[in-house]
Amino acid sequence: MKRHGFIQSMNSDGGRCHDNARCESMWARMKEELLYGRYDTTKMSVGEVKSLVWRYYESYWNNRRICSAIGGMPPRVKLENYYDSLQAVA
């Protein structure tokens, strides 16, 4: 990794690989819901795959996909509720 100038994806406080668990889980879920059995990415250009992934996260994951860890609502709704609560307190 050093020879090619890559930086290992672990935290700087001891390198615990479990710190990436949420991100890895998100990528695994996206691949299962979006790619596997639906698209053959080997026949797509890099730009087409990027667009597909971008649309998945922007359109579906953030706005429509419910998440049980945040009360059964999409992330964007949870974020909007949070900011609304801050304004109500102020």
C-alpha atoms as a PDB file:
ATOM      1  CA  MET A   1       0.000   0.000   0.000  1.00  0.00           C
ATOM      2  CA  LYS A   2       2.782   2.416   0.872  1.00  0.00           C
ATOM      3  CA  ARG A   3       4.568   1.729  -2.394  1.00  0.00           C
ATOM      4  CA  HIS A   4       1.482   2.849  -4.348  1.00  0.00           C
ATOM      5  CA  GLY A   5       0.674   5.773  -2.057  1.00  0.00           C
ATOM      6  CA  PHE A   6      -2.545   4.326  -0.615  1.00  0.00           C
ATOM      7  CA  ILE A   7      -3.687   5.147   2.877  1.00  0.00           C
ATOM      8  CA  GLN A   8      -5.288   2.304   4.784  1.00  0.00           C
ATOM      9  CA  SER A   9      -8.924   2.913   5.651  1.00  0.00           C
ATOM     10  CA  MET A  10      -8.828   2.588   9.419  1.00  0.00           C
ATOM     11  CA  ASN A  11      -8.947   5.113  12.180  1.00  0.00           C
ATOM     12  CA  SER A  12      -5.773   6.796  13.361  1.00  0.00           C
ATOM     13  CA  ASP A  13      -6.300   5.648  16.956  1.00  0.00           C
ATOM     14  CA  GLY A  14      -5.067   2.086  16.741  1.00  0.00           C
ATOM     15  CA  GLY A  15      -6.493   0.912  13.439  1.00  0.00           C
ATOM     16  CA  ARG A  16      -9.616  -0.919  14.502  1.00  0.00           C
ATOM     17  CA  CYS A  17     -11.228  -2.404  11.402  1.00  0.00           C
ATOM     18  CA  HIS A  18     -14.678  -2.425  13.032  1.00  0.00           C
ATOM     19  CA  ASP A  19     -14.819   1.368  12.735  1.00  0.00           C
ATOM     20  CA  ASN A  20     -15.744   0.871   9.077  1.00  0.00           C
ATOM     21  CA  ALA A  21     -18.610  -1.523   9.847  1.00  0.00           C
ATOM     22  CA  ARG A  22     -21.428   0.958   9.189  1.00  0.00           C
ATOM     23  CA  CYS A  23     -19.994   2.029   5.871  1.00  0.00           C
ATOM     24  CA  GLU A  24     -19.332  -1.557   4.799  1.00  0.00           C
ATOM     25  CA  SER A  25     -22.884  -2.491   5.776  1.00  0.00           C
ATOM     26  CA  MET A  26     -24.262   0.391   3.709  1.00  0.00           C
ATOM     27  CA  TRP A  27     -22.268  -0.658   0.623  1.00  0.00           C
ATOM     28  CA  ALA A  28     -23.325  -4.305   1.048  1.00  0.00           C
ATOM     29  CA  ARG A  29     -26.986  -3.287   1.305  1.00  0.00           C
ATOM     30  CA  MET A  30     -26.705  -1.086  -1.795  1.00  0.00           C
ATOM     31  CA  LYS A  31     -25.115  -3.872  -3.837  1.00  0.00           C
ATOM     32  CA  GLU A  32     -27.788  -6.341  -2.745  1.00  0.00           C
ATOM     33  CA  GLU A  33     -30.719  -3.998  -3.388  1.00  0.00           C
ATOM     34  CA  LEU A  34     -29.446  -2.298  -6.530  1.00  0.00           C
ATOM     35  CA  LEU A  35     -26.922  -4.374  -8.408  1.00  0.00           C
ATOM     36  CA  TYR A  36     -27.028  -8.119  -7.820  1.00  0.00           C
ATOM     37  CA  GLY A  37     -29.402  -9.763 -10.262  1.00  0.00           C
ATOM     38  CA  ARG A  38     -30.505  -6.454 -11.770  1.00  0.00           C
ATOM     39  CA  TYR A  39     -27.572  -4.967 -13.675  1.00  0.00           C
ATOM     40  CA  ASP A  40     -24.501  -6.438 -15.317  1.00  0.00           C
ATOM     41  CA  THR A  41     -21.993  -3.728 -14.481  1.00  0.00           C
ATOM     42  CA  THR A  42     -19.307  -5.443 -16.574  1.00  0.00           C
ATOM     43  CA  LYS A  43     -21.245  -4.255 -19.629  1.00  0.00           C
ATOM     44  CA  MET A  44     -21.636  -0.690 -18.359  1.00  0.00           C
ATOM     45  CA  SER A  45     -19.260   2.249 -18.588  1.00  0.00           C
ATOM     46  CA  VAL A  46     -17.772   3.715 -15.413  1.00  0.00           C
ATOM     47  CA  GLY A  47     -19.977   6.782 -15.902  1.00  0.00           C
ATOM     48  CA  GLU A  48     -23.121   4.648 -16.125  1.00  0.00           C
ATOM     49  CA  VAL A  49     -22.267   2.801 -12.910  1.00  0.00           C
ATOM     50  CA  LYS A  50     -21.479   6.072 -11.120  1.00  0.00           C
ATOM     51  CA  SER A  51     -24.793   7.519 -12.248  1.00  0.00           C
ATOM     52  CA  LEU A  52     -26.666   4.419 -11.131  1.00  0.00           C
ATOM     53  CA  VAL A  53     -25.084   4.504  -7.664  1.00  0.00           C
ATOM     54  CA  TRP A  54     -25.597   8.277  -7.340  1.00  0.00           C
ATOM     55  CA  ARG A  55     -29.290   7.994  -8.215  1.00  0.00           C
ATOM     56  CA  TYR A  56     -29.711   5.122  -5.749  1.00  0.00           C
ATOM     57  CA  TYR A  57     -28.354   7.131  -2.824  1.00  0.00           C
ATOM     58  CA  GLU A  58     -29.815  10.512  -3.764  1.00  0.00           C
ATOM     59  CA  SER A  59     -33.253   9.341  -4.850  1.00  0.00           C
ATOM     60  CA  TYR A  60     -33.911   6.161  -2.884  1.00  0.00           C
ATOM     61  CA  TRP A  61     -31.594   5.745   0.118  1.00  0.00           C
ATOM     62  CA  ASN A  62     -31.841   9.296   1.458  1.00  0.00           C
ATOM     63  CA  ASN A  63     -35.449  10.051   0.599  1.00  0.00           C
ATOM     64  CA  ARG A  64     -37.520   6.882   0.537  1.00  0.00           C
ATOM     65  CA  ARG A  65     -35.746   3.923   2.125  1.00  0.00           C
ATOM     66  CA  ILE A  66     -36.866   3.462   5.711  1.00  0.00           C
ATOM     67  CA  CYS A  67     -34.235   2.802   8.348  1.00  0.00           C
ATOM     68  CA  SER A  68     -35.208   0.976  11.519  1.00  0.00           C
ATOM     69  CA  ALA A  69     -32.236   2.421  13.432  1.00  0.00           C
ATOM     70  CA  ILE A  70     -33.692   5.939  13.146  1.00  0.00           C
ATOM     71  CA  GLY A  71     -37.333   5.240  13.909  1.00  0.00           C
ATOM     72  CA  GLY A  72     -38.484   3.767  10.608  1.00  0.00           C
ATOM     73  CA  MET A  73     -37.994   6.880   8.528  1.00  0.00           C
ATOM     74  CA  PRO A  74     -35.691   7.838   5.667  1.00  0.00           C
ATOM     75  CA  PRO A  75     -32.458   9.674   6.578  1.00  0.00           C
ATOM     76  CA  ARG A  76     -33.551  12.934   4.952  1.00  0.00           C
ATOM     77  CA  VAL A  77     -36.788  12.994   6.979  1.00  0.00           C
ATOM     78  CA  LYS A  78     -34.842  12.311  10.187  1.00  0.00           C
ATOM     79  CA  LEU A  79     -32.467  15.156   9.366  1.00  0.00           C
ATOM     80  CA  GLU A  80     -35.315  17.558   8.600  1.00  0.00           C
ATOM     81  CA  ASN A  81     -37.048  16.626  11.870  1.00  0.00           C
ATOM     82  CA  TYR A  82     -33.807  17.261  13.740  1.00  0.00           C
ATOM     83  CA  TYR A  83     -33.358  20.739  12.255  1.00  0.00           C
ATOM     84  CA  ASP A  84     -37.041  21.547  12.834  1.00  0.00           C
ATOM     85  CA  SER A  85     -36.630  20.619  16.508  1.00  0.00           C
ATOM     86  CA  LEU A  86     -33.595  22.911  16.811  1.00  0.00           C
ATOM     87  CA  GLN A  87     -35.578  25.819  15.395  1.00  0.00           C
ATOM     88  CA  ALA A  88     -38.495  25.099  17.744  1.00  0.00           C
ATOM     89  CA  VAL A  89     -36.187  25.263  20.761  1.00  0.00           C
ATOM     90  CA  ALA A  90     -34.463  28.465  19.662  1.00  0.00           C
END
